[in-house]
Amino acid sequence: MPKVQTAIGKVSRVGGKYLVTVGRKKYTLPVGTLISRELISGAVGQELEVTIANNTLVAISGRRPPITCYIPAVSLLNEVEPEVQAALRAVYTKAGILED
């Protein structure tokens, strides 16, 4: 079961990359993949609540709507049998990583 926690992180831009810093740890945001540049640029300099699962930044939840930063095993979910897909989705939903 993944260890899920919330924390406060500060959004910054360094060069062409967007980061969230939580304590001493920096997480690079997947801009262009899951996050649009326009959406995240408005958050630069702000301290927001973030969701972390197993040392992976999952979402910036201090904004409405929340910003999804990582979808666990999304490529695997599409490759496995439907029964396994359902089981994985149930585990991630129960852990708070995915929403219903």
C-alpha atoms as a PDB file:
ATOM      1  CA  MET A   1       0.000   0.000   0.000  1.00  0.00           C
ATOM      2  CA  PRO A   2       1.513   3.374  -0.974  1.00  0.00           C
ATOM      3  CA  LYS A   3       2.424   5.856   1.730  1.00  0.00           C
ATOM      4  CA  VAL A   4       0.330   8.945   0.923  1.00  0.00           C
ATOM      5  CA  GLN A   5       0.929  12.285   2.613  1.00  0.00           C
ATOM      6  CA  THR A   6       0.128  15.944   2.103  1.00  0.00           C
ATOM      7  CA  ALA A   7       2.589  18.779   2.566  1.00  0.00           C
ATOM      8  CA  ILE A   8       3.123  22.397   1.599  1.00  0.00           C
ATOM      9  CA  GLY A   9       5.274  22.965  -1.469  1.00  0.00           C
ATOM     10  CA  LYS A  10       6.446  26.094  -3.246  1.00  0.00           C
ATOM     11  CA  VAL A  11       6.148  26.279  -7.031  1.00  0.00           C
ATOM     12  CA  SER A  12       9.105  27.807  -8.871  1.00  0.00           C
ATOM     13  CA  ARG A  13      10.511  28.149 -12.357  1.00  0.00           C
ATOM     14  CA  VAL A  14      14.187  27.515 -13.028  1.00  0.00           C
ATOM     15  CA  GLY A  15      15.180  28.019 -16.627  1.00  0.00           C
ATOM     16  CA  GLY A  16      12.535  26.257 -18.674  1.00  0.00           C
ATOM     17  CA  LYS A  17      11.540  23.839 -15.896  1.00  0.00           C
ATOM     18  CA  TYR A  18       8.817  24.140 -13.274  1.00  0.00           C
ATOM     19  CA  LEU A  19       9.481  22.664  -9.844  1.00  0.00           C
ATOM     20  CA  VAL A  20       7.740  22.156  -6.528  1.00  0.00           C
ATOM     21  CA  THR A  21       9.986  22.297  -3.478  1.00  0.00           C
ATOM     22  CA  VAL A  22       8.832  20.471  -0.343  1.00  0.00           C
ATOM     23  CA  GLY A  23      11.347  20.925   2.452  1.00  0.00           C
ATOM     24  CA  ARG A  24      14.671  20.141   0.782  1.00  0.00           C
ATOM     25  CA  LYS A  25      13.208  17.887  -1.924  1.00  0.00           C
ATOM     26  CA  LYS A  26      12.537  19.269  -5.422  1.00  0.00           C
ATOM     27  CA  TYR A  27      10.017  17.659  -7.763  1.00  0.00           C
ATOM     28  CA  THR A  28      10.077  18.467 -11.479  1.00  0.00           C
ATOM     29  CA  LEU A  29       6.587  19.065 -12.869  1.00  0.00           C
ATOM     30  CA  PRO A  30       5.584  17.296 -16.106  1.00  0.00           C
ATOM     31  CA  VAL A  31       4.730  20.486 -18.015  1.00  0.00           C
ATOM     32  CA  GLY A  32       3.507  19.689 -21.497  1.00  0.00           C
ATOM     33  CA  THR A  33       2.633  16.109 -20.578  1.00  0.00           C
ATOM     34  CA  LEU A  34       0.024  16.352 -17.820  1.00  0.00           C
ATOM     35  CA  ILE A  35       0.208  20.057 -16.986  1.00  0.00           C
ATOM     36  CA  SER A  36      -0.197  22.986 -19.357  1.00  0.00           C
ATOM     37  CA  ARG A  37       2.355  25.789 -19.135  1.00  0.00           C
ATOM     38  CA  GLU A  38      -0.479  28.317 -18.783  1.00  0.00           C
ATOM     39  CA  LEU A  39      -1.973  26.456 -15.811  1.00  0.00           C
ATOM     40  CA  ILE A  40       1.249  26.151 -13.823  1.00  0.00           C
ATOM     41  CA  SER A  41       2.737  29.562 -14.648  1.00  0.00           C
ATOM     42  CA  GLY A  42       0.040  31.210 -12.513  1.00  0.00           C
ATOM     43  CA  ALA A  43       1.173  29.173  -9.506  1.00  0.00           C
ATOM     44  CA  VAL A  44       4.851  30.246  -9.603  1.00  0.00           C
ATOM     45  CA  GLY A  45       5.880  31.722  -6.260  1.00  0.00           C
ATOM     46  CA  GLN A  46       2.879  30.295  -4.413  1.00  0.00           C
ATOM     47  CA  GLU A  47       2.945  27.831  -1.546  1.00  0.00           C
ATOM     48  CA  LEU A  48       0.321  25.161  -2.153  1.00  0.00           C
ATOM     49  CA  GLU A  49      -0.760  21.864  -0.657  1.00  0.00           C
ATOM     50  CA  VAL A  50       0.680  18.891  -2.510  1.00  0.00           C
ATOM     51  CA  THR A  51      -0.015  15.169  -2.376  1.00  0.00           C
ATOM     52  CA  ILE A  52       2.941  12.788  -2.322  1.00  0.00           C
ATOM     53  CA  ALA A  53       2.793   8.979  -2.622  1.00  0.00           C
ATOM     54  CA  ASN A  54       5.909   6.875  -2.126  1.00  0.00           C
ATOM     55  CA  ASN A  55       8.167   9.918  -2.636  1.00  0.00           C
ATOM     56  CA  THR A  56       6.451  10.792  -5.922  1.00  0.00           C
ATOM     57  CA  LEU A  57       4.569  14.062  -6.375  1.00  0.00           C
ATOM     58  CA  VAL A  58       1.069  12.997  -7.382  1.00  0.00           C
ATOM     59  CA  ALA A  59      -0.919  16.251  -7.333  1.00  0.00           C
ATOM     60  CA  ILE A  60      -0.929  19.895  -6.404  1.00  0.00           C
ATOM     61  CA  SER A  61      -4.130  19.873  -4.411  1.00  0.00           C
ATOM     62  CA  GLY A  62      -4.028  23.414  -3.065  1.00  0.00           C
ATOM     63  CA  ARG A  63      -5.592  24.749  -6.289  1.00  0.00           C
ATOM     64  CA  ARG A  64      -9.018  24.361  -7.777  1.00  0.00           C
ATOM     65  CA  PRO A  65      -9.134  22.237  -9.782  1.00  0.00           C
ATOM     66  CA  PRO A  66      -6.228  20.165  -8.443  1.00  0.00           C
ATOM     67  CA  ILE A  67      -3.309  19.709 -10.829  1.00  0.00           C
ATOM     68  CA  THR A  68      -2.456  16.079 -11.591  1.00  0.00           C
ATOM     69  CA  CYS A  69       1.318  15.559 -11.702  1.00  0.00           C
ATOM     70  CA  TYR A  70       1.562  11.787 -11.988  1.00  0.00           C
ATOM     71  CA  ILE A  71      -0.766   8.944 -12.863  1.00  0.00           C
ATOM     72  CA  PRO A  72       0.622   5.707 -11.413  1.00  0.00           C
ATOM     73  CA  ALA A  73       1.341   2.990 -13.924  1.00  0.00           C
ATOM     74  CA  VAL A  74      -0.986   4.474 -16.533  1.00  0.00           C
ATOM     75  CA  SER A  75       0.818   2.698 -19.361  1.00  0.00           C
ATOM     76  CA  LEU A  76       0.548  -0.585 -17.477  1.00  0.00           C
ATOM     77  CA  LEU A  77      -3.149  -0.089 -16.770  1.00  0.00           C
ATOM     78  CA  ASN A  78      -3.823  -0.093 -20.511  1.00  0.00           C
ATOM     79  CA  GLU A  79      -1.767  -3.245 -21.114  1.00  0.00           C
ATOM     80  CA  VAL A  80      -3.159  -5.644 -18.522  1.00  0.00           C
ATOM     81  CA  GLU A  81      -6.340  -7.687 -18.407  1.00  0.00           C
ATOM     82  CA  PRO A  82      -9.550  -5.785 -17.531  1.00  0.00           C
ATOM     83  CA  GLU A  83      -9.861  -7.609 -14.199  1.00  0.00           C
ATOM     84  CA  VAL A  84      -6.329  -6.554 -13.225  1.00  0.00           C
ATOM     85  CA  GLN A  85      -7.012  -2.987 -14.395  1.00  0.00           C
ATOM     86  CA  ALA A  86     -10.047  -2.850 -12.113  1.00  0.00           C
ATOM     87  CA  ALA A  87      -8.068  -4.211  -9.166  1.00  0.00           C
ATOM     88  CA  LEU A  88      -5.237  -1.692  -9.666  1.00  0.00           C
ATOM     89  CA  ARG A  89      -7.682   1.198  -9.993  1.00  0.00           C
ATOM     90  CA  ALA A  90      -9.390   0.082  -6.772  1.00  0.00           C
ATOM     91  CA  VAL A  91      -6.073   0.016  -4.888  1.00  0.00           C
ATOM     92  CA  TYR A  92      -5.021   3.472  -6.159  1.00  0.00           C
ATOM     93  CA  THR A  93      -8.475   4.920  -5.467  1.00  0.00           C
ATOM     94  CA  LYS A  94      -8.521   3.542  -1.931  1.00  0.00           C
ATOM     95  CA  ALA A  95      -5.064   5.034  -1.334  1.00  0.00           C
ATOM     96  CA  GLY A  96      -6.311   8.427  -2.536  1.00  0.00           C
ATOM     97  CA  ILE A  97      -4.030   8.525  -5.572  1.00  0.00           C
ATOM     98  CA  LEU A  98      -6.834   8.266  -8.150  1.00  0.00           C
ATOM     99  CA  GLU A  99     -10.341   9.668  -7.842  1.00  0.00           C
ATOM    100  CA  ASP A 100     -13.549   7.710  -8.519  1.00  0.00           C
END
